[in-house]
Amino acid sequence: MRFFLFSGSTLLYKTNNLEKYVALGQDTSLTCEEDTITHATTDFSFKKNGMSFILAGQVSRPTKYNVIINVGSIVLIIKNTSTSDEGEYKCSIDFLQESPPYDLQVESKC
């Protein structure tokens, strides 16, 4: 399972212990990739700091988060990214395997 960050049009591959910064106020996308994902996949979750906020495909805050399911990937869109979105994100598919952690940091443009 691979975990990517899309911030604007920039694709950044997630590697352990590497922090990425996203701009305050922009939409940010985290992509979880796995060969077994299809448009019918519903058994997936996203966690922030160890707490599930999308469980079994159900988005807890649809005004803040959106999920797009593609063949081979699930994209989590964080709308209007703020400092409260900072933290460690993980995804899992079929609750069998978790992705490596992704440490999301938000920076303001001065």
PDB file of N, CA and C in Angstrom:
ATOM      1  N   MET A   1       0.842  -1.169   0.000  1.00  0.00           N
ATOM      2  CA  MET A   1       0.000   0.000   0.000  1.00  0.00           C
ATOM      3  C   MET A   1       0.893   1.240   0.000  1.00  0.00           C
ATOM      4  N   ARG A   2       0.618   2.139  -0.902  1.00  0.00           N
ATOM      5  CA  ARG A   2       1.373   3.379  -0.980  1.00  0.00           C
ATOM      6  C   ARG A   2       0.469   4.530  -0.581  1.00  0.00           C
ATOM      7  N   PHE A   3       1.057   5.582  -0.038  1.00  0.00           N
ATOM      8  CA  PHE A   3       0.299   6.733   0.437  1.00  0.00           C
ATOM      9  C   PHE A   3       0.909   7.965  -0.195  1.00  0.00           C
ATOM     10  N   PHE A   4       0.110   8.713  -0.934  1.00  0.00           N
ATOM     11  CA  PHE A   4       0.580   9.900  -1.630  1.00  0.00           C
ATOM     12  C   PHE A   4      -0.106  11.133  -1.080  1.00  0.00           C
ATOM     13  N   LEU A   5       0.510  12.292  -1.277  1.00  0.00           N
ATOM     14  CA  LEU A   5      -0.106  13.571  -0.944  1.00  0.00           C
ATOM     15  C   LEU A   5      -0.173  14.402  -2.200  1.00  0.00           C
ATOM     16  N   PHE A   6      -1.355  14.899  -2.520  1.00  0.00           N
ATOM     17  CA  PHE A   6      -1.513  15.846  -3.612  1.00  0.00           C
ATOM     18  C   PHE A   6      -1.832  17.190  -2.980  1.00  0.00           C
ATOM     19  N   SER A   7      -1.047  18.185  -3.258  1.00  0.00           N
ATOM     20  CA  SER A   7      -1.277  19.521  -2.734  1.00  0.00           C
ATOM     21  C   SER A   7      -1.219  20.459  -3.922  1.00  0.00           C
ATOM     22  N   GLY A   8      -2.351  20.963  -4.347  1.00  0.00           N
ATOM     23  CA  GLY A   8      -2.382  21.686  -5.598  1.00  0.00           C
ATOM     24  C   GLY A   8      -2.135  20.680  -6.706  1.00  0.00           C
ATOM     25  N   SER A   9      -1.152  20.917  -7.553  1.00  0.00           N
ATOM     26  CA  SER A   9      -0.865  19.986  -8.646  1.00  0.00           C
ATOM     27  C   SER A   9       0.420  19.199  -8.403  1.00  0.00           C
ATOM     28  N   THR A  10       0.983  19.299  -7.214  1.00  0.00           N
ATOM     29  CA  THR A  10       2.249  18.636  -6.912  1.00  0.00           C
ATOM     30  C   THR A  10       1.998  17.260  -6.314  1.00  0.00           C
ATOM     31  N   LEU A  11       2.651  16.248  -6.867  1.00  0.00           N
ATOM     32  CA  LEU A  11       2.554  14.890  -6.346  1.00  0.00           C
ATOM     33  C   LEU A  11       3.787  14.611  -5.511  1.00  0.00           C
ATOM     34  N   LEU A  12       3.569  14.207  -4.266  1.00  0.00           N
ATOM     35  CA  LEU A  12       4.678  13.889  -3.375  1.00  0.00           C
ATOM     36  C   LEU A  12       4.473  12.471  -2.853  1.00  0.00           C
ATOM     37  N   TYR A  13       5.479  11.637  -2.996  1.00  0.00           N
ATOM     38  CA  TYR A  13       5.395  10.271  -2.508  1.00  0.00           C
ATOM     39  C   TYR A  13       5.728  10.241  -1.029  1.00  0.00           C
ATOM     40  N   LYS A  14       4.964   9.501  -0.269  1.00  0.00           N
ATOM     41  CA  LYS A  14       5.176   9.412   1.170  1.00  0.00           C
ATOM     42  C   LYS A  14       6.305   8.450   1.488  1.00  0.00           C
ATOM     43  N   THR A  15       7.275   8.949   2.181  1.00  0.00           N
ATOM     44  CA  THR A  15       8.312   8.092   2.740  1.00  0.00           C
ATOM     45  C   THR A  15       8.350   8.330   4.243  1.00  0.00           C
ATOM     46  N   ASN A  16       8.733   7.345   4.998  1.00  0.00           N
ATOM     47  CA  ASN A  16       8.747   7.472   6.453  1.00  0.00           C
ATOM     48  C   ASN A  16       9.668   8.601   6.901  1.00  0.00           C
ATOM     49  N   ASN A  17       9.245   9.278   7.980  1.00  0.00           N
ATOM     50  CA  ASN A  17      10.027  10.335   8.617  1.00  0.00           C
ATOM     51  C   ASN A  17      10.297  11.533   7.709  1.00  0.00           C
ATOM     52  N   LEU A  18       9.414  11.787   6.768  1.00  0.00           N
ATOM     53  CA  LEU A  18       9.569  12.941   5.891  1.00  0.00           C
ATOM     54  C   LEU A  18       8.315  13.781   6.011  1.00  0.00           C
ATOM     55  N   GLU A  19       8.465  15.018   6.504  1.00  0.00           N
ATOM     56  CA  GLU A  19       7.321  15.884   6.670  1.00  0.00           C
ATOM     57  C   GLU A  19       7.062  16.651   5.385  1.00  0.00           C
ATOM     58  N   LYS A  20       5.813  16.814   5.067  1.00  0.00           N
ATOM     59  CA  LYS A  20       5.387  17.620   3.936  1.00  0.00           C
ATOM     60  C   LYS A  20       4.516  18.740   4.472  1.00  0.00           C
ATOM     61  N   TYR A  21       4.616  19.893   3.854  1.00  0.00           N
ATOM     62  CA  TYR A  21       3.836  21.032   4.273  1.00  0.00           C
ATOM     63  C   TYR A  21       2.826  21.395   3.196  1.00  0.00           C
ATOM     64  N   VAL A  22       1.624  21.708   3.620  1.00  0.00           N
ATOM     65  CA  VAL A  22       0.598  22.154   2.686  1.00  0.00           C
ATOM     66  C   VAL A  22       0.180  23.565   3.082  1.00  0.00           C
ATOM     67  N   ALA A  23      -0.357  24.299   2.116  1.00  0.00           N
ATOM     68  CA  ALA A  23      -0.709  25.697   2.345  1.00  0.00           C
ATOM     69  C   ALA A  23      -2.036  25.817   3.091  1.00  0.00           C
ATOM     70  N   LEU A  24      -2.062  26.726   4.035  1.00  0.00           N
ATOM     71  CA  LEU A  24      -3.258  27.039   4.795  1.00  0.00           C
ATOM     72  C   LEU A  24      -4.369  27.488   3.843  1.00  0.00           C
ATOM     73  N   GLY A  25      -5.562  26.928   3.995  1.00  0.00           N
ATOM     74  CA  GLY A  25      -6.722  27.342   3.226  1.00  0.00           C
ATOM     75  C   GLY A  25      -6.929  26.629   1.910  1.00  0.00           C
ATOM     76  N   GLN A  26      -5.952  25.865   1.457  1.00  0.00           N
ATOM     77  CA  GLN A  26      -6.150  25.153   0.191  1.00  0.00           C
ATOM     78  C   GLN A  26      -6.673  23.749   0.463  1.00  0.00           C
ATOM     79  N   ASP A  27      -7.312  23.156  -0.536  1.00  0.00           N
ATOM     80  CA  ASP A  27      -7.754  21.772  -0.416  1.00  0.00           C
ATOM     81  C   ASP A  27      -6.537  20.862  -0.565  1.00  0.00           C
ATOM     82  N   THR A  28      -6.475  19.824   0.242  1.00  0.00           N
ATOM     83  CA  THR A  28      -5.364  18.886   0.238  1.00  0.00           C
ATOM     84  C   THR A  28      -5.910  17.486   0.032  1.00  0.00           C
ATOM     85  N   SER A  29      -5.244  16.698  -0.783  1.00  0.00           N
ATOM     86  CA  SER A  29      -5.687  15.330  -1.050  1.00  0.00           C
ATOM     87  C   SER A  29      -4.626  14.336  -0.597  1.00  0.00           C
ATOM     88  N   LEU A  30      -5.059  13.328   0.137  1.00  0.00           N
ATOM     89  CA  LEU A  30      -4.213  12.211   0.524  1.00  0.00           C
ATOM     90  C   LEU A  30      -4.731  10.995  -0.227  1.00  0.00           C
ATOM     91  N   THR A  31      -3.850  10.306  -0.939  1.00  0.00           N
ATOM     92  CA  THR A  31      -4.264   9.171  -1.758  1.00  0.00           C
ATOM     93  C   THR A  31      -3.671   7.883  -1.223  1.00  0.00           C
ATOM     94  N   CYS A  32      -4.542   6.924  -0.991  1.00  0.00           N
ATOM     95  CA  CYS A  32      -4.150   5.603  -0.528  1.00  0.00           C
ATOM     96  C   CYS A  32      -4.276   4.663  -1.720  1.00  0.00           C
ATOM     97  N   GLU A  33      -3.184   4.028  -2.120  1.00  0.00           N
ATOM     98  CA  GLU A  33      -3.193   3.157  -3.292  1.00  0.00           C
ATOM     99  C   GLU A  33      -3.026   1.699  -2.899  1.00  0.00           C
ATOM    100  N   GLU A  34      -3.829   0.848  -3.554  1.00  0.00           N
ATOM    101  CA  GLU A  34      -3.762  -0.596  -3.352  1.00  0.00           C
ATOM    102  C   GLU A  34      -4.395  -1.248  -4.575  1.00  0.00           C
ATOM    103  N   ASP A  35      -3.772  -2.287  -5.089  1.00  0.00           N
ATOM    104  CA  ASP A  35      -4.249  -2.939  -6.306  1.00  0.00           C
ATOM    105  C   ASP A  35      -5.664  -3.491  -6.186  1.00  0.00           C
ATOM    106  N   THR A  36      -6.103  -3.829  -4.975  1.00  0.00           N
ATOM    107  CA  THR A  36      -7.406  -4.472  -4.812  1.00  0.00           C
ATOM    108  C   THR A  36      -8.579  -3.494  -4.770  1.00  0.00           C
ATOM    109  N   ILE A  37      -8.320  -2.199  -4.755  1.00  0.00           N
ATOM    110  CA  ILE A  37      -9.398  -1.208  -4.667  1.00  0.00           C
ATOM    111  C   ILE A  37     -10.159  -1.139  -5.983  1.00  0.00           C
ATOM    112  N   THR A  38     -11.492  -1.179  -5.869  1.00  0.00           N
ATOM    113  CA  THR A  38     -12.369  -0.993  -7.025  1.00  0.00           C
ATOM    114  C   THR A  38     -13.404   0.070  -6.652  1.00  0.00           C
ATOM    115  N   HIS A  39     -14.231   0.454  -7.617  1.00  0.00           N
ATOM    116  CA  HIS A  39     -15.279   1.438  -7.336  1.00  0.00           C
ATOM    117  C   HIS A  39     -16.274   0.913  -6.301  1.00  0.00           C
ATOM    118  N   ALA A  40     -16.325  -0.397  -6.103  1.00  0.00           N
ATOM    119  CA  ALA A  40     -17.248  -1.000  -5.137  1.00  0.00           C
ATOM    120  C   ALA A  40     -16.640  -1.133  -3.742  1.00  0.00           C
ATOM    121  N   THR A  41     -15.402  -0.758  -3.555  1.00  0.00           N
ATOM    122  CA  THR A  41     -14.731  -0.891  -2.258  1.00  0.00           C
ATOM    123  C   THR A  41     -15.399   0.012  -1.224  1.00  0.00           C
ATOM    124  N   THR A  42     -15.822  -0.561  -0.118  1.00  0.00           N
ATOM    125  CA  THR A  42     -16.414   0.225   0.977  1.00  0.00           C
ATOM    126  C   THR A  42     -15.730  -0.033   2.310  1.00  0.00           C
ATOM    127  N   ASP A  43     -14.923  -1.103   2.394  1.00  0.00           N
ATOM    128  CA  ASP A  43     -14.255  -1.424   3.652  1.00  0.00           C
ATOM    129  C   ASP A  43     -12.889  -0.752   3.706  1.00  0.00           C
ATOM    130  N   PHE A  44     -12.917   0.551   3.997  1.00  0.00           N
ATOM    131  CA  PHE A  44     -11.671   1.303   4.150  1.00  0.00           C
ATOM    132  C   PHE A  44     -11.861   2.321   5.266  1.00  0.00           C
ATOM    133  N   SER A  45     -10.759   2.754   5.819  1.00  0.00           N
ATOM    134  CA  SER A  45     -10.827   3.767   6.872  1.00  0.00           C
ATOM    135  C   SER A  45      -9.646   4.717   6.748  1.00  0.00           C
ATOM    136  N   PHE A  46      -9.827   5.891   7.308  1.00  0.00           N
ATOM    137  CA  PHE A  46      -8.751   6.856   7.472  1.00  0.00           C
ATOM    138  C   PHE A  46      -8.705   7.232   8.944  1.00  0.00           C
ATOM    139  N   LYS A  47      -7.498   7.349   9.472  1.00  0.00           N
ATOM    140  CA  LYS A  47      -7.294   7.748  10.860  1.00  0.00           C
ATOM    141  C   LYS A  47      -6.430   8.997  10.899  1.00  0.00           C
ATOM    142  N   LYS A  48      -6.704   9.828  11.881  1.00  0.00           N
ATOM    143  CA  LYS A  48      -5.852  10.983  12.172  1.00  0.00           C
ATOM    144  C   LYS A  48      -5.465  10.861  13.638  1.00  0.00           C
ATOM    145  N   ASN A  49      -4.166  10.828  13.895  1.00  0.00           N
ATOM    146  CA  ASN A  49      -3.645  10.696  15.257  1.00  0.00           C
ATOM    147  C   ASN A  49      -4.273   9.511  15.991  1.00  0.00           C
ATOM    148  N   GLY A  50      -4.446   8.402  15.266  1.00  0.00           N
ATOM    149  CA  GLY A  50      -4.945   7.171  15.863  1.00  0.00           C
ATOM    150  C   GLY A  50      -6.458   7.063  15.991  1.00  0.00           C
ATOM    151  N   MET A  51      -7.193   8.122  15.649  1.00  0.00           N
ATOM    152  CA  MET A  51      -8.654   8.115  15.764  1.00  0.00           C
ATOM    153  C   MET A  51      -9.288   8.039  14.381  1.00  0.00           C
ATOM    154  N   SER A  52     -10.180   7.065  14.167  1.00  0.00           N
ATOM    155  CA  SER A  52     -10.863   6.928  12.882  1.00  0.00           C
ATOM    156  C   SER A  52     -11.836   8.081  12.682  1.00  0.00           C
ATOM    157  N   PHE A  53     -11.775   8.701  11.511  1.00  0.00           N
ATOM    158  CA  PHE A  53     -12.766   9.712  11.174  1.00  0.00           C
ATOM    159  C   PHE A  53     -13.502   9.333   9.898  1.00  0.00           C
ATOM    160  N   ILE A  54     -13.023   8.292   9.234  1.00  0.00           N
ATOM    161  CA  ILE A  54     -13.766   7.642   8.163  1.00  0.00           C
ATOM    162  C   ILE A  54     -13.653   6.158   8.444  1.00  0.00           C
ATOM    163  N   LEU A  55     -14.788   5.525   8.705  1.00  0.00           N
ATOM    164  CA  LEU A  55     -14.800   4.121   9.088  1.00  0.00           C
ATOM    165  C   LEU A  55     -15.806   3.396   8.203  1.00  0.00           C
ATOM    166  N   ALA A  56     -15.387   2.278   7.631  1.00  0.00           N
ATOM    167  CA  ALA A  56     -16.217   1.494   6.712  1.00  0.00           C
ATOM    168  C   ALA A  56     -16.767   2.374   5.597  1.00  0.00           C
ATOM    169  N   GLY A  57     -15.945   3.308   5.146  1.00  0.00           N
ATOM    170  CA  GLY A  57     -16.318   4.173   4.034  1.00  0.00           C
ATOM    171  C   GLY A  57     -17.260   5.305   4.383  1.00  0.00           C
ATOM    172  N   GLN A  58     -17.648   5.444   5.651  1.00  0.00           N
ATOM    173  CA  GLN A  58     -18.576   6.485   6.075  1.00  0.00           C
ATOM    174  C   GLN A  58     -17.807   7.719   6.540  1.00  0.00           C
ATOM    175  N   VAL A  59     -18.033   8.837   5.879  1.00  0.00           N
ATOM    176  CA  VAL A  59     -17.355  10.093   6.197  1.00  0.00           C
ATOM    177  C   VAL A  59     -18.073  10.761   7.366  1.00  0.00           C
ATOM    178  N   SER A  60     -17.341  11.035   8.443  1.00  0.00           N
ATOM    179  CA  SER A  60     -17.957  11.602   9.641  1.00  0.00           C
ATOM    180  C   SER A  60     -18.308  13.083   9.484  1.00  0.00           C
ATOM    181  N   ARG A  61     -17.545  13.811   8.689  1.00  0.00           N
ATOM    182  CA  ARG A  61     -17.791  15.248   8.503  1.00  0.00           C
ATOM    183  C   ARG A  61     -17.759  15.568   7.003  1.00  0.00           C
ATOM    184  N   PRO A  62     -18.877  15.345   6.283  1.00  0.00           N
ATOM    185  CA  PRO A  62     -18.866  15.540   4.830  1.00  0.00           C
ATOM    186  C   PRO A  62     -18.621  16.979   4.392  1.00  0.00           C
ATOM    187  N   THR A  63     -18.814  17.938   5.278  1.00  0.00           N
ATOM    188  CA  THR A  63     -18.508  19.317   4.898  1.00  0.00           C
ATOM    189  C   THR A  63     -17.004  19.592   4.940  1.00  0.00           C
ATOM    190  N   LYS A  64     -16.253  18.770   5.657  1.00  0.00           N
ATOM    191  CA  LYS A  64     -14.800  18.936   5.779  1.00  0.00           C
ATOM    192  C   LYS A  64     -14.041  17.960   4.883  1.00  0.00           C
ATOM    193  N   TYR A  65     -14.543  16.739   4.758  1.00  0.00           N
ATOM    194  CA  TYR A  65     -13.851  15.685   4.024  1.00  0.00           C
ATOM    195  C   TYR A  65     -14.702  15.168   2.877  1.00  0.00           C
ATOM    196  N   ASN A  66     -14.033  14.760   1.828  1.00  0.00           N
ATOM    197  CA  ASN A  66     -14.686  14.095   0.708  1.00  0.00           C
ATOM    198  C   ASN A  66     -13.812  12.909   0.329  1.00  0.00           C
ATOM    199  N   VAL A  67     -14.423  11.843  -0.158  1.00  0.00           N
ATOM    200  CA  VAL A  67     -13.687  10.655  -0.563  1.00  0.00           C
ATOM    201  C   VAL A  67     -14.048  10.329  -2.000  1.00  0.00           C
ATOM    202  N   ILE A  68     -13.035  10.076  -2.809  1.00  0.00           N
ATOM    203  CA  ILE A  68     -13.229   9.643  -4.187  1.00  0.00           C
ATOM    204  C   ILE A  68     -12.582   8.269  -4.323  1.00  0.00           C
ATOM    205  N   ILE A  69     -13.368   7.289  -4.788  1.00  0.00           N
ATOM    206  CA  ILE A  69     -12.853   5.928  -4.953  1.00  0.00           C
ATOM    207  C   ILE A  69     -12.618   5.688  -6.435  1.00  0.00           C
ATOM    208  N   ASN A  70     -11.387   5.372  -6.775  1.00  0.00           N
ATOM    209  CA  ASN A  70     -10.984   5.045  -8.137  1.00  0.00           C
ATOM    210  C   ASN A  70     -10.501   3.597  -8.161  1.00  0.00           C
ATOM    211  N   VAL A  71     -10.325   3.040  -9.330  1.00  0.00           N
ATOM    212  CA  VAL A  71      -9.714   1.720  -9.434  1.00  0.00           C
ATOM    213  C   VAL A  71      -8.258   1.859  -8.988  1.00  0.00           C
ATOM    214  N   GLY A  72      -7.895   1.181  -7.927  1.00  0.00           N
ATOM    215  CA  GLY A  72      -6.526   1.199  -7.421  1.00  0.00           C
ATOM    216  C   GLY A  72      -6.211   2.273  -6.400  1.00  0.00           C
ATOM    217  N   SER A  73      -7.163   3.171  -6.103  1.00  0.00           N
ATOM    218  CA  SER A  73      -6.861   4.213  -5.115  1.00  0.00           C
ATOM    219  C   SER A  73      -8.120   4.795  -4.486  1.00  0.00           C
ATOM    220  N   ILE A  74      -7.940   5.299  -3.277  1.00  0.00           N
ATOM    221  CA  ILE A  74      -8.972   6.056  -2.583  1.00  0.00           C
ATOM    222  C   ILE A  74      -8.353   7.399  -2.225  1.00  0.00           C
ATOM    223  N   VAL A  75      -9.018   8.472  -2.612  1.00  0.00           N
ATOM    224  CA  VAL A  75      -8.505   9.818  -2.390  1.00  0.00           C
ATOM    225  C   VAL A  75      -9.319  10.482  -1.293  1.00  0.00           C
ATOM    226  N   LEU A  76      -8.634  10.940  -0.253  1.00  0.00           N
ATOM    227  CA  LEU A  76      -9.256  11.715   0.811  1.00  0.00           C
ATOM    228  C   LEU A  76      -8.974  13.183   0.516  1.00  0.00           C
ATOM    229  N   ILE A  77     -10.016  13.978   0.393  1.00  0.00           N
ATOM    230  CA  ILE A  77      -9.851  15.412   0.165  1.00  0.00           C
ATOM    231  C   ILE A  77     -10.182  16.133   1.463  1.00  0.00           C
ATOM    232  N   ILE A  78      -9.234  16.908   1.953  1.00  0.00           N
ATOM    233  CA  ILE A  78      -9.433  17.744   3.139  1.00  0.00           C
ATOM    234  C   ILE A  78      -9.704  19.147   2.616  1.00  0.00           C
ATOM    235  N   LYS A  79     -10.907  19.638   2.844  1.00  0.00           N
ATOM    236  CA  LYS A  79     -11.311  20.935   2.314  1.00  0.00           C
ATOM    237  C   LYS A  79     -10.821  22.062   3.215  1.00  0.00           C
ATOM    238  N   ASN A  80     -10.370  23.150   2.570  1.00  0.00           N
ATOM    239  CA  ASN A  80      -9.963  24.360   3.289  1.00  0.00           C
ATOM    240  C   ASN A  80      -9.028  24.017   4.455  1.00  0.00           C
ATOM    241  N   THR A  81      -7.888  23.430   4.146  1.00  0.00           N
ATOM    242  CA  THR A  81      -6.941  22.926   5.143  1.00  0.00           C
ATOM    243  C   THR A  81      -6.582  24.004   6.167  1.00  0.00           C
ATOM    244  N   SER A  82      -6.664  23.621   7.435  1.00  0.00           N
ATOM    245  CA  SER A  82      -6.316  24.536   8.528  1.00  0.00           C
ATOM    246  C   SER A  82      -5.322  23.854   9.453  1.00  0.00           C
ATOM    247  N   THR A  83      -4.825  24.592  10.424  1.00  0.00           N
ATOM    248  CA  THR A  83      -3.844  24.011  11.350  1.00  0.00           C
ATOM    249  C   THR A  83      -4.462  22.881  12.169  1.00  0.00           C
ATOM    250  N   SER A  84      -5.784  22.868  12.327  1.00  0.00           N
ATOM    251  CA  SER A  84      -6.422  21.770  13.065  1.00  0.00           C
ATOM    252  C   SER A  84      -6.370  20.457  12.286  1.00  0.00           C
ATOM    253  N   ASP A  85      -6.004  20.518  11.007  1.00  0.00           N
ATOM    254  CA  ASP A  85      -5.869  19.310  10.190  1.00  0.00           C
ATOM    255  C   ASP A  85      -4.485  18.685  10.312  1.00  0.00           C
ATOM    256  N   GLU A  86      -3.569  19.349  10.997  1.00  0.00           N
ATOM    257  CA  GLU A  86      -2.232  18.796  11.163  1.00  0.00           C
ATOM    258  C   GLU A  86      -2.293  17.510  11.980  1.00  0.00           C
ATOM    259  N   GLY A  87      -1.407  16.589  11.653  1.00  0.00           N
ATOM    260  CA  GLY A  87      -1.339  15.354  12.419  1.00  0.00           C
ATOM    261  C   GLY A  87      -0.886  14.195  11.569  1.00  0.00           C
ATOM    262  N   GLU A  88      -0.910  13.017  12.172  1.00  0.00           N
ATOM    263  CA  GLU A  88      -0.473  11.795  11.523  1.00  0.00           C
ATOM    264  C   GLU A  88      -1.678  11.065  10.931  1.00  0.00           C
ATOM    265  N   TYR A  89      -1.656  10.868   9.618  1.00  0.00           N
ATOM    266  CA  TYR A  89      -2.744  10.205   8.901  1.00  0.00           C
ATOM    267  C   TYR A  89      -2.320   8.806   8.466  1.00  0.00           C
ATOM    268  N   LYS A  90      -3.288   7.883   8.515  1.00  0.00           N
ATOM    269  CA  LYS A  90      -3.092   6.524   8.020  1.00  0.00           C
ATOM    270  C   LYS A  90      -4.379   6.093   7.327  1.00  0.00           C
ATOM    271  N   CYS A  91      -4.228   5.211   6.353  1.00  0.00           N
ATOM    272  CA  CYS A  91      -5.409   4.614   5.724  1.00  0.00           C
ATOM    273  C   CYS A  91      -5.287   3.109   5.833  1.00  0.00           C
ATOM    274  N   SER A  92      -6.426   2.438   5.729  1.00  0.00           N
ATOM    275  CA  SER A  92      -6.415   0.975   5.677  1.00  0.00           C
ATOM    276  C   SER A  92      -7.525   0.514   4.746  1.00  0.00           C
ATOM    277  N   ILE A  93      -7.272  -0.606   4.099  1.00  0.00           N
ATOM    278  CA  ILE A  93      -8.230  -1.209   3.176  1.00  0.00           C
ATOM    279  C   ILE A  93      -8.611  -2.569   3.750  1.00  0.00           C
ATOM    280  N   ASP A  94      -9.897  -2.842   3.800  1.00  0.00           N
ATOM    281  CA  ASP A  94     -10.410  -4.105   4.342  1.00  0.00           C
ATOM    282  C   ASP A  94      -9.915  -4.361   5.765  1.00  0.00           C
ATOM    283  N   PHE A  95      -9.450  -3.323   6.436  1.00  0.00           N
ATOM    284  CA  PHE A  95      -9.021  -3.388   7.836  1.00  0.00           C
ATOM    285  C   PHE A  95      -7.934  -4.428   8.081  1.00  0.00           C
ATOM    286  N   LEU A  96      -7.188  -4.757   7.037  1.00  0.00           N
ATOM    287  CA  LEU A  96      -6.132  -5.752   7.167  1.00  0.00           C
ATOM    288  C   LEU A  96      -4.759  -5.132   7.309  1.00  0.00           C
ATOM    289  N   GLN A  97      -4.503  -4.096   6.548  1.00  0.00           N
ATOM    290  CA  GLN A  97      -3.165  -3.515   6.525  1.00  0.00           C
ATOM    291  C   GLN A  97      -3.273  -2.001   6.559  1.00  0.00           C
ATOM    292  N   GLU A  98      -2.485  -1.357   7.429  1.00  0.00           N
ATOM    293  CA  GLU A  98      -2.451   0.102   7.495  1.00  0.00           C
ATOM    294  C   GLU A  98      -1.308   0.635   6.656  1.00  0.00           C
ATOM    295  N   SER A  99      -1.522   1.819   6.104  1.00  0.00           N
ATOM    296  CA  SER A  99      -0.461   2.491   5.369  1.00  0.00           C
ATOM    297  C   SER A  99       0.588   3.003   6.346  1.00  0.00           C
ATOM    298  N   PRO A 100       1.753   3.348   5.844  1.00  0.00           N
ATOM    299  CA  PRO A 100       2.713   4.048   6.695  1.00  0.00           C
ATOM    300  C   PRO A 100       2.092   5.374   7.138  1.00  0.00           C
ATOM    301  N   PRO A 101       2.529   5.926   8.259  1.00  0.00           N
ATOM    302  CA  PRO A 101       1.967   7.210   8.702  1.00  0.00           C
ATOM    303  C   PRO A 101       2.404   8.350   7.784  1.00  0.00           C
ATOM    304  N   TYR A 102       1.540   9.335   7.657  1.00  0.00           N
ATOM    305  CA  TYR A 102       1.868  10.547   6.909  1.00  0.00           C
ATOM    306  C   TYR A 102       1.678  11.725   7.846  1.00  0.00           C
ATOM    307  N   ASP A 103       2.741  12.477   8.083  1.00  0.00           N
ATOM    308  CA  ASP A 103       2.690  13.615   9.004  1.00  0.00           C
ATOM    309  C   ASP A 103       2.368  14.877   8.224  1.00  0.00           C
ATOM    310  N   LEU A 104       1.110  15.312   8.309  1.00  0.00           N
ATOM    311  CA  LEU A 104       0.645  16.485   7.584  1.00  0.00           C
ATOM    312  C   LEU A 104       0.895  17.741   8.412  1.00  0.00           C
ATOM    313  N   GLN A 105       1.589  18.689   7.835  1.00  0.00           N
ATOM    314  CA  GLN A 105       1.873  19.972   8.468  1.00  0.00           C
ATOM    315  C   GLN A 105       1.315  21.079   7.583  1.00  0.00           C
ATOM    316  N   VAL A 106       0.757  22.110   8.201  1.00  0.00           N
ATOM    317  CA  VAL A 106       0.153  23.217   7.464  1.00  0.00           C
ATOM    318  C   VAL A 106       0.977  24.468   7.707  1.00  0.00           C
ATOM    319  N   GLU A 107       1.264  25.177   6.624  1.00  0.00           N
ATOM    320  CA  GLU A 107       2.008  26.436   6.760  1.00  0.00           C
ATOM    321  C   GLU A 107       1.209  27.562   6.119  1.00  0.00           C
ATOM    322  N   SER A 108       1.308  28.733   6.737  1.00  0.00           N
ATOM    323  CA  SER A 108       0.628  29.892   6.173  1.00  0.00           C
ATOM    324  C   SER A 108       1.580  30.597   5.221  1.00  0.00           C
ATOM    325  N   LYS A 109       1.017  31.149   4.165  1.00  0.00           N
ATOM    326  CA  LYS A 109       1.816  31.913   3.205  1.00  0.00           C
ATOM    327  C   LYS A 109       1.891  33.340   3.700  1.00  0.00           C
ATOM    328  N   CYS A 110       3.090  33.840   3.914  1.00  0.00           N
ATOM    329  CA  CYS A 110       3.257  35.218   4.392  1.00  0.00           C
ATOM    330  C   CYS A 110       3.554  36.154   3.242  1.00  0.00           C
TER     331      CYS A 110
END
